[in-house]
Amino acid sequence: MADRLFQGIADQIVALIDEGVFPPGTRLPGERELAERFNVSRVTIREAEIALQAVGVIKIKTGSGVYVADRNDRSDDTLPKVSALELTEARSLFESEAAALAAPVISDQTLARLDELLAEMATETDDEKSTEIDREFHMVIASASGNGAITHVIRTLWRLRTELPEVRHTHESVCHHDGMTRQDEHAAVVEALRRHDPQGARLAMRQHFQRLLGSMLDATEEHAISELRRKAQESRERFLMSAKIG
């Protein structure tokens, strides 16, 4: 329920924009003011704004504020609504091939940078910073492929990973608990790249995403079971209450 709250707030903000309360080009009120207006936390407002930026309704300008986008410009920055599972399947396809392409030509300098990122991953405890390190790790490999089209696709897939709130929440629920496993998987990719082994790099990257997909499916199943139990408990409580009244 809490994870969906930001979507309702986002819908209300869109309604206000459509009604002309916040015309295109104007700056939205600050997080505090919006939080008071909708009676929610500032975190919920932030999530709603991130979701609206992902679909091109607003533009968040660091240090300046949040602005309503012109309708003619919205299509330029729109991201499709996809699930974390769909995104991970796509990343597995493109990033596995990027690793295979990078393996024969990757430079010692690039390998050294990957080693540095592995070391940073091992010591970083802040989730947001860990995500940024993870992103750079994968983008370094994508760039090393030498294929600009693949690099662009992977960069866009990472936007989906970080800018779509539901996708980000799913990743956070899984990645927060599998740091050591991910570290080993990333190290396996780097070692295959160091051997200049295309098939090994492809397989190591694919195994990384296959494990991630499995973890996401487990998390989705656990969430569904929890929801069924919650609804069953609510039904039980209503039944017991009505029985007492009767």
C-alpha atoms as a PDB file:
ATOM      1  CA  MET A   1       0.000   0.000   0.000  1.00  0.00           C
ATOM      2  CA  ALA A   2       2.763   2.454   0.971  1.00  0.00           C
ATOM      3  CA  ASP A   3       4.687   1.748  -2.239  1.00  0.00           C
ATOM      4  CA  ARG A   4       1.606   2.819  -4.246  1.00  0.00           C
ATOM      5  CA  LEU A   5       0.981   6.063  -2.365  1.00  0.00           C
ATOM      6  CA  PHE A   6       3.372   8.084  -4.534  1.00  0.00           C
ATOM      7  CA  GLN A   7       1.408   7.056  -7.648  1.00  0.00           C
ATOM      8  CA  GLY A   8      -1.771   8.588  -6.276  1.00  0.00           C
ATOM      9  CA  ILE A   9       0.092  11.790  -5.450  1.00  0.00           C
ATOM     10  CA  ALA A  10       1.629  11.819  -8.932  1.00  0.00           C
ATOM     11  CA  ASP A  11      -1.868  11.519 -10.429  1.00  0.00           C
ATOM     12  CA  GLN A  12      -3.069  14.459  -8.325  1.00  0.00           C
ATOM     13  CA  ILE A  13      -0.135  16.598  -9.451  1.00  0.00           C
ATOM     14  CA  VAL A  14      -0.894  15.746 -13.093  1.00  0.00           C
ATOM     15  CA  ALA A  15      -4.532  16.719 -12.531  1.00  0.00           C
ATOM     16  CA  LEU A  16      -3.444  20.098 -11.159  1.00  0.00           C
ATOM     17  CA  ILE A  17      -1.154  20.576 -14.168  1.00  0.00           C
ATOM     18  CA  ASP A  18      -4.000  19.702 -16.566  1.00  0.00           C
ATOM     19  CA  GLU A  19      -6.321  22.121 -14.730  1.00  0.00           C
ATOM     20  CA  GLY A  20      -3.807  24.929 -15.219  1.00  0.00           C
ATOM     21  CA  VAL A  21      -2.898  25.304 -11.553  1.00  0.00           C
ATOM     22  CA  PHE A  22       0.713  24.606 -12.559  1.00  0.00           C
ATOM     23  CA  PRO A  23       1.084  25.696 -16.214  1.00  0.00           C
ATOM     24  CA  PRO A  24       3.916  24.423 -18.432  1.00  0.00           C
ATOM     25  CA  GLY A  25       7.229  26.056 -17.643  1.00  0.00           C
ATOM     26  CA  THR A  26       6.308  27.018 -14.090  1.00  0.00           C
ATOM     27  CA  ARG A  27       8.172  25.847 -11.024  1.00  0.00           C
ATOM     28  CA  LEU A  28       6.343  23.470  -8.711  1.00  0.00           C
ATOM     29  CA  PRO A  29       6.150  24.330  -5.008  1.00  0.00           C
ATOM     30  CA  GLY A  30       8.889  22.821  -2.842  1.00  0.00           C
ATOM     31  CA  GLU A  31       8.721  19.359  -1.308  1.00  0.00           C
ATOM     32  CA  ARG A  32       7.684  20.691   2.100  1.00  0.00           C
ATOM     33  CA  GLU A  33       4.775  22.720   0.701  1.00  0.00           C
ATOM     34  CA  LEU A  34       3.544  19.834  -1.470  1.00  0.00           C
ATOM     35  CA  ALA A  35       3.875  17.407   1.446  1.00  0.00           C
ATOM     36  CA  GLU A  36       1.657  19.675   3.562  1.00  0.00           C
ATOM     37  CA  ARG A  37      -0.789  20.158   0.697  1.00  0.00           C
ATOM     38  CA  PHE A  38      -1.284  16.415   0.138  1.00  0.00           C
ATOM     39  CA  ASN A  39      -0.728  15.406   3.782  1.00  0.00           C
ATOM     40  CA  VAL A  40       2.085  12.984   2.970  1.00  0.00           C
ATOM     41  CA  SER A  41       5.805  12.780   3.704  1.00  0.00           C
ATOM     42  CA  ARG A  42       8.445  14.602   1.687  1.00  0.00           C
ATOM     43  CA  VAL A  43       9.807  11.190   0.659  1.00  0.00           C
ATOM     44  CA  THR A  44       6.456  10.386  -0.991  1.00  0.00           C
ATOM     45  CA  ILE A  45       6.538  13.728  -2.833  1.00  0.00           C
ATOM     46  CA  ARG A  46      10.073  12.957  -4.005  1.00  0.00           C
ATOM     47  CA  GLU A  47       9.003   9.532  -5.298  1.00  0.00           C
ATOM     48  CA  ALA A  48       6.036  11.085  -7.122  1.00  0.00           C
ATOM     49  CA  GLU A  49       8.280  13.677  -8.754  1.00  0.00           C
ATOM     50  CA  ILE A  50      10.767  11.023  -9.856  1.00  0.00           C
ATOM     51  CA  ALA A  51       7.910   9.047 -11.407  1.00  0.00           C
ATOM     52  CA  LEU A  52       6.608  12.130 -13.216  1.00  0.00           C
ATOM     53  CA  GLN A  53      10.070  12.982 -14.511  1.00  0.00           C
ATOM     54  CA  ALA A  54      10.397   9.430 -15.861  1.00  0.00           C
ATOM     55  CA  VAL A  55       7.323   9.948 -18.054  1.00  0.00           C
ATOM     56  CA  GLY A  56       8.343  13.467 -19.080  1.00  0.00           C
ATOM     57  CA  VAL A  57       5.670  15.434 -17.202  1.00  0.00           C
ATOM     58  CA  ILE A  58       8.171  17.447 -15.158  1.00  0.00           C
ATOM     59  CA  LYS A  59      11.864  18.243 -15.236  1.00  0.00           C
ATOM     60  CA  ILE A  60      13.966  18.150 -12.083  1.00  0.00           C
ATOM     61  CA  LYS A  61      16.823  20.649 -12.274  1.00  0.00           C
ATOM     62  CA  THR A  62      19.407  20.197  -9.539  1.00  0.00           C
ATOM     63  CA  GLY A  63      19.867  23.350  -7.532  1.00  0.00           C
ATOM     64  CA  SER A  64      16.991  25.090  -9.288  1.00  0.00           C
ATOM     65  CA  GLY A  65      13.806  23.148  -8.618  1.00  0.00           C
ATOM     66  CA  VAL A  66      11.097  21.131 -10.337  1.00  0.00           C
ATOM     67  CA  TYR A  67       9.458  22.519 -13.465  1.00  0.00           C
ATOM     68  CA  VAL A  68       6.404  21.509 -15.472  1.00  0.00           C
ATOM     69  CA  ALA A  69       7.465  20.338 -18.934  1.00  0.00           C
ATOM     70  CA  ASP A  70       5.917  21.712 -22.104  1.00  0.00           C
ATOM     71  CA  ARG A  71       3.588  19.154 -23.633  1.00  0.00           C
ATOM     72  CA  ASN A  72       5.472  19.298 -26.939  1.00  0.00           C
ATOM     73  CA  ASP A  73       8.676  18.296 -25.136  1.00  0.00           C
ATOM     74  CA  ARG A  74       7.280  15.418 -23.126  1.00  0.00           C
ATOM     75  CA  SER A  75       7.869  12.711 -25.725  1.00  0.00           C
ATOM     76  CA  ASP A  76      11.599  13.451 -25.787  1.00  0.00           C
ATOM     77  CA  ASP A  77      12.164  12.234 -22.239  1.00  0.00           C
ATOM     78  CA  THR A  78       9.428   9.644 -21.798  1.00  0.00           C
ATOM     79  CA  LEU A  79      10.334   6.249 -20.414  1.00  0.00           C
ATOM     80  CA  PRO A  80       8.120   3.201 -20.956  1.00  0.00           C
ATOM     81  CA  LYS A  81       6.492   1.587 -17.944  1.00  0.00           C
ATOM     82  CA  VAL A  82       8.175  -1.791 -17.496  1.00  0.00           C
ATOM     83  CA  SER A  83       8.554  -4.227 -14.618  1.00  0.00           C
ATOM     84  CA  ALA A  84      11.841  -4.994 -12.915  1.00  0.00           C
ATOM     85  CA  LEU A  85      11.684  -8.495 -14.408  1.00  0.00           C
ATOM     86  CA  GLU A  86      11.262  -7.177 -17.963  1.00  0.00           C
ATOM     87  CA  LEU A  87      14.118  -4.749 -17.461  1.00  0.00           C
ATOM     88  CA  THR A  88      16.446  -7.429 -16.058  1.00  0.00           C
ATOM     89  CA  GLU A  89      15.698  -9.714 -19.012  1.00  0.00           C
ATOM     90  CA  ALA A  90      16.615  -6.898 -21.403  1.00  0.00           C
ATOM     91  CA  ARG A  91      19.771  -6.045 -19.486  1.00  0.00           C
ATOM     92  CA  SER A  92      20.811  -9.696 -19.556  1.00  0.00           C
ATOM     93  CA  LEU A  93      20.536  -9.752 -23.354  1.00  0.00           C
ATOM     94  CA  PHE A  94      22.380  -6.506 -24.065  1.00  0.00           C
ATOM     95  CA  GLU A  95      24.952  -6.484 -21.274  1.00  0.00           C
ATOM     96  CA  SER A  96      25.994 -10.092 -21.840  1.00  0.00           C
ATOM     97  CA  GLU A  97      26.737  -9.312 -25.470  1.00  0.00           C
ATOM     98  CA  ALA A  98      28.471  -6.066 -24.531  1.00  0.00           C
ATOM     99  CA  ALA A  99      30.788  -8.036 -22.237  1.00  0.00           C
ATOM    100  CA  ALA A 100      31.495 -10.531 -25.024  1.00  0.00           C
ATOM    101  CA  LEU A 101      32.341  -7.704 -27.444  1.00  0.00           C
ATOM    102  CA  ALA A 102      34.537  -5.975 -24.861  1.00  0.00           C
ATOM    103  CA  ALA A 103      36.570  -9.052 -23.922  1.00  0.00           C
ATOM    104  CA  PRO A 104      38.919  -9.232 -26.952  1.00  0.00           C
ATOM    105  CA  VAL A 105      39.676  -5.502 -27.009  1.00  0.00           C
ATOM    106  CA  ILE A 106      39.448  -4.297 -23.408  1.00  0.00           C
ATOM    107  CA  SER A 107      42.490  -2.285 -22.338  1.00  0.00           C
ATOM    108  CA  ASP A 108      44.614  -2.652 -19.218  1.00  0.00           C
ATOM    109  CA  GLN A 109      43.525   0.838 -18.202  1.00  0.00           C
ATOM    110  CA  THR A 110      39.858  -0.129 -18.375  1.00  0.00           C
ATOM    111  CA  LEU A 111      40.511  -3.324 -16.428  1.00  0.00           C
ATOM    112  CA  ALA A 112      42.282  -1.266 -13.780  1.00  0.00           C
ATOM    113  CA  ARG A 113      39.213   0.965 -13.491  1.00  0.00           C
ATOM    114  CA  LEU A 114      36.976  -2.078 -13.097  1.00  0.00           C
ATOM    115  CA  ASP A 115      39.262  -3.341 -10.327  1.00  0.00           C
ATOM    116  CA  GLU A 116      38.933   0.036  -8.589  1.00  0.00           C
ATOM    117  CA  LEU A 117      35.132  -0.149  -8.831  1.00  0.00           C
ATOM    118  CA  LEU A 118      35.163  -3.686  -7.422  1.00  0.00           C
ATOM    119  CA  ALA A 119      37.159  -2.413  -4.443  1.00  0.00           C
ATOM    120  CA  GLU A 120      34.701   0.470  -3.956  1.00  0.00           C
ATOM    121  CA  MET A 121      31.750  -1.950  -4.083  1.00  0.00           C
ATOM    122  CA  ALA A 122      33.308  -4.072  -1.339  1.00  0.00           C
ATOM    123  CA  THR A 123      33.498  -1.177   1.125  1.00  0.00           C
ATOM    124  CA  GLU A 124      30.525   1.053   0.252  1.00  0.00           C
ATOM    125  CA  THR A 125      27.563   0.736   2.634  1.00  0.00           C
ATOM    126  CA  ASP A 126      25.317   3.524   1.342  1.00  0.00           C
ATOM    127  CA  ASP A 127      22.694   2.048  -1.012  1.00  0.00           C
ATOM    128  CA  GLU A 128      22.504   5.107  -3.273  1.00  0.00           C
ATOM    129  CA  LYS A 129      26.268   5.316  -3.703  1.00  0.00           C
ATOM    130  CA  SER A 130      26.452   1.543  -4.243  1.00  0.00           C
ATOM    131  CA  THR A 131      23.941   1.864  -7.069  1.00  0.00           C
ATOM    132  CA  GLU A 132      26.016   4.599  -8.699  1.00  0.00           C
ATOM    133  CA  ILE A 133      29.167   2.468  -8.460  1.00  0.00           C
ATOM    134  CA  ASP A 134      27.251  -0.479  -9.910  1.00  0.00           C
ATOM    135  CA  ARG A 135      26.018   1.697 -12.765  1.00  0.00           C
ATOM    136  CA  GLU A 136      29.534   2.907 -13.586  1.00  0.00           C
ATOM    137  CA  PHE A 137      30.839  -0.668 -13.498  1.00  0.00           C
ATOM    138  CA  HIS A 138      28.320  -1.803 -16.094  1.00  0.00           C
ATOM    139  CA  MET A 139      28.673   1.344 -18.212  1.00  0.00           C
ATOM    140  CA  VAL A 140      32.483   0.963 -18.326  1.00  0.00           C
ATOM    141  CA  ILE A 141      32.005  -2.518 -19.777  1.00  0.00           C
ATOM    142  CA  ALA A 142      29.356  -1.247 -22.201  1.00  0.00           C
ATOM    143  CA  SER A 143      31.692   1.504 -23.435  1.00  0.00           C
ATOM    144  CA  ALA A 144      34.538  -1.008 -23.763  1.00  0.00           C
ATOM    145  CA  SER A 145      32.414  -2.963 -26.252  1.00  0.00           C
ATOM    146  CA  GLY A 146      33.161  -0.262 -28.819  1.00  0.00           C
ATOM    147  CA  ASN A 147      29.548  -0.363 -30.030  1.00  0.00           C
ATOM    148  CA  GLY A 148      27.871   3.027 -29.623  1.00  0.00           C
ATOM    149  CA  ALA A 149      24.378   1.685 -30.251  1.00  0.00           C
ATOM    150  CA  ILE A 150      24.683  -0.979 -27.547  1.00  0.00           C
ATOM    151  CA  THR A 151      26.178   1.558 -25.143  1.00  0.00           C
ATOM    152  CA  HIS A 152      23.221   3.903 -25.756  1.00  0.00           C
ATOM    153  CA  VAL A 153      20.711   1.106 -25.159  1.00  0.00           C
ATOM    154  CA  ILE A 154      22.388   0.073 -21.909  1.00  0.00           C
ATOM    155  CA  ARG A 155      22.519   3.691 -20.731  1.00  0.00           C
ATOM    156  CA  THR A 156      18.768   3.944 -21.393  1.00  0.00           C
ATOM    157  CA  LEU A 157      18.128   0.660 -19.566  1.00  0.00           C
ATOM    158  CA  TRP A 158      19.958   2.110 -16.577  1.00  0.00           C
ATOM    159  CA  ARG A 159      17.634   5.107 -16.676  1.00  0.00           C
ATOM    160  CA  LEU A 160      14.743   2.674 -16.326  1.00  0.00           C
ATOM    161  CA  ARG A 161      16.597   1.012 -13.466  1.00  0.00           C
ATOM    162  CA  THR A 162      17.096   4.255 -11.526  1.00  0.00           C
ATOM    163  CA  GLU A 163      14.197   6.509 -12.570  1.00  0.00           C
ATOM    164  CA  LEU A 164      11.159   4.200 -12.430  1.00  0.00           C
ATOM    165  CA  PRO A 165      10.195   4.032  -8.723  1.00  0.00           C
ATOM    166  CA  GLU A 166       8.674   0.526  -8.787  1.00  0.00           C
ATOM    167  CA  VAL A 167      11.730  -0.886 -10.559  1.00  0.00           C
ATOM    168  CA  ARG A 168      14.017   0.877  -8.119  1.00  0.00           C
ATOM    169  CA  HIS A 169      12.071  -0.435  -5.114  1.00  0.00           C
ATOM    170  CA  THR A 170      12.276  -4.006  -6.417  1.00  0.00           C
ATOM    171  CA  HIS A 171      16.030  -3.723  -6.892  1.00  0.00           C
ATOM    172  CA  GLU A 172      16.466  -2.230  -3.435  1.00  0.00           C
ATOM    173  CA  SER A 173      14.498  -5.053  -1.809  1.00  0.00           C
ATOM    174  CA  VAL A 174      16.755  -7.633  -3.478  1.00  0.00           C
ATOM    175  CA  CYS A 175      20.163  -5.959  -3.735  1.00  0.00           C
ATOM    176  CA  HIS A 176      20.260  -4.805  -0.113  1.00  0.00           C
ATOM    177  CA  HIS A 177      20.693  -8.432   0.975  1.00  0.00           C
ATOM    178  CA  ASP A 178      22.975  -9.891  -1.704  1.00  0.00           C
ATOM    179  CA  GLY A 179      26.041  -7.665  -1.611  1.00  0.00           C
ATOM    180  CA  MET A 180      28.617 -10.462  -1.336  1.00  0.00           C
ATOM    181  CA  THR A 181      26.978 -12.524  -4.069  1.00  0.00           C
ATOM    182  CA  ARG A 182      26.911  -9.574  -6.468  1.00  0.00           C
ATOM    183  CA  GLN A 183      30.526  -8.805  -5.610  1.00  0.00           C
ATOM    184  CA  ASP A 184      31.588 -12.349  -6.558  1.00  0.00           C
ATOM    185  CA  GLU A 185      29.546 -12.198  -9.777  1.00  0.00           C
ATOM    186  CA  HIS A 186      31.073  -8.883 -10.798  1.00  0.00           C
ATOM    187  CA  ALA A 187      34.545 -10.221 -10.041  1.00  0.00           C
ATOM    188  CA  ALA A 188      33.859 -13.251 -12.253  1.00  0.00           C
ATOM    189  CA  VAL A 189      32.950 -10.930 -15.149  1.00  0.00           C
ATOM    190  CA  VAL A 190      36.170  -8.949 -14.693  1.00  0.00           C
ATOM    191  CA  GLU A 191      38.297 -12.092 -14.593  1.00  0.00           C
ATOM    192  CA  ALA A 192      36.775 -13.311 -17.868  1.00  0.00           C
ATOM    193  CA  LEU A 193      37.451  -9.901 -19.410  1.00  0.00           C
ATOM    194  CA  ARG A 194      41.040 -10.047 -18.113  1.00  0.00           C
ATOM    195  CA  ARG A 195      41.478 -13.397 -19.911  1.00  0.00           C
ATOM    196  CA  HIS A 196      40.061 -11.750 -23.068  1.00  0.00           C
ATOM    197  CA  ASP A 197      37.519 -14.584 -23.126  1.00  0.00           C
ATOM    198  CA  PRO A 198      34.316 -13.510 -24.965  1.00  0.00           C
ATOM    199  CA  GLN A 199      32.331 -16.643 -24.151  1.00  0.00           C
ATOM    200  CA  GLY A 200      33.415 -16.584 -20.529  1.00  0.00           C
ATOM    201  CA  ALA A 201      32.509 -12.890 -20.168  1.00  0.00           C
ATOM    202  CA  ARG A 202      29.126 -13.469 -21.807  1.00  0.00           C
ATOM    203  CA  LEU A 203      28.385 -16.422 -19.527  1.00  0.00           C
ATOM    204  CA  ALA A 204      29.538 -14.651 -16.346  1.00  0.00           C
ATOM    205  CA  MET A 205      27.363 -11.613 -17.087  1.00  0.00           C
ATOM    206  CA  ARG A 206      24.386 -13.795 -18.008  1.00  0.00           C
ATOM    207  CA  GLN A 207      24.704 -15.814 -14.803  1.00  0.00           C
ATOM    208  CA  HIS A 208      24.754 -12.552 -12.843  1.00  0.00           C
ATOM    209  CA  PHE A 209      21.399 -11.515 -14.308  1.00  0.00           C
ATOM    210  CA  GLN A 210      19.877 -15.000 -14.122  1.00  0.00           C
ATOM    211  CA  ARG A 211      20.570 -15.064 -10.380  1.00  0.00           C
ATOM    212  CA  LEU A 212      19.098 -11.571 -10.055  1.00  0.00           C
ATOM    213  CA  LEU A 213      15.967 -12.676 -11.912  1.00  0.00           C
ATOM    214  CA  GLY A 214      15.595 -15.632  -9.558  1.00  0.00           C
ATOM    215  CA  SER A 215      15.915 -13.381  -6.516  1.00  0.00           C
ATOM    216  CA  MET A 216      13.293 -11.026  -7.926  1.00  0.00           C
ATOM    217  CA  LEU A 217      10.881 -13.890  -8.562  1.00  0.00           C
ATOM    218  CA  ASP A 218      11.383 -15.104  -4.982  1.00  0.00           C
ATOM    219  CA  ALA A 219      10.762 -11.593  -3.640  1.00  0.00           C
ATOM    220  CA  THR A 220       7.636 -11.228  -5.792  1.00  0.00           C
ATOM    221  CA  GLU A 221       6.324 -14.569  -4.536  1.00  0.00           C
ATOM    222  CA  GLU A 222       6.996 -13.652  -0.910  1.00  0.00           C
ATOM    223  CA  HIS A 223       5.197 -10.335  -1.374  1.00  0.00           C
ATOM    224  CA  ALA A 224       2.173 -12.075  -2.916  1.00  0.00           C
ATOM    225  CA  ILE A 225       2.019 -14.576  -0.029  1.00  0.00           C
ATOM    226  CA  SER A 226       2.284 -11.741   2.514  1.00  0.00           C
ATOM    227  CA  GLU A 227      -0.584  -9.914   0.810  1.00  0.00           C
ATOM    228  CA  LEU A 228      -2.768 -13.050   0.881  1.00  0.00           C
ATOM    229  CA  ARG A 229      -2.027 -13.527   4.574  1.00  0.00           C
ATOM    230  CA  ARG A 230      -2.810  -9.871   5.302  1.00  0.00           C
ATOM    231  CA  LYS A 231      -6.149 -10.058   3.478  1.00  0.00           C
ATOM    232  CA  ALA A 232      -6.996 -13.351   5.189  1.00  0.00           C
ATOM    233  CA  GLN A 233      -6.242 -11.790   8.587  1.00  0.00           C
ATOM    234  CA  GLU A 234      -8.436  -8.784   7.784  1.00  0.00           C
ATOM    235  CA  SER A 235     -11.266 -11.118   6.753  1.00  0.00           C
ATOM    236  CA  ARG A 236     -10.811 -13.155   9.948  1.00  0.00           C
ATOM    237  CA  GLU A 237     -10.957 -10.023  12.116  1.00  0.00           C
ATOM    238  CA  ARG A 238     -14.103  -8.784  10.359  1.00  0.00           C
ATOM    239  CA  PHE A 239     -15.735 -12.175  10.788  1.00  0.00           C
ATOM    240  CA  LEU A 240     -14.871 -12.377  14.496  1.00  0.00           C
ATOM    241  CA  MET A 241     -16.122  -8.831  15.056  1.00  0.00           C
ATOM    242  CA  SER A 242     -19.420  -9.482  13.290  1.00  0.00           C
ATOM    243  CA  ALA A 243     -19.826 -12.749  15.204  1.00  0.00           C
ATOM    244  CA  LYS A 244     -19.420 -10.880  18.527  1.00  0.00           C
ATOM    245  CA  ILE A 245     -21.993  -8.265  17.478  1.00  0.00           C
ATOM    246  CA  GLY A 246     -24.401 -10.975  16.399  1.00  0.00           C
END
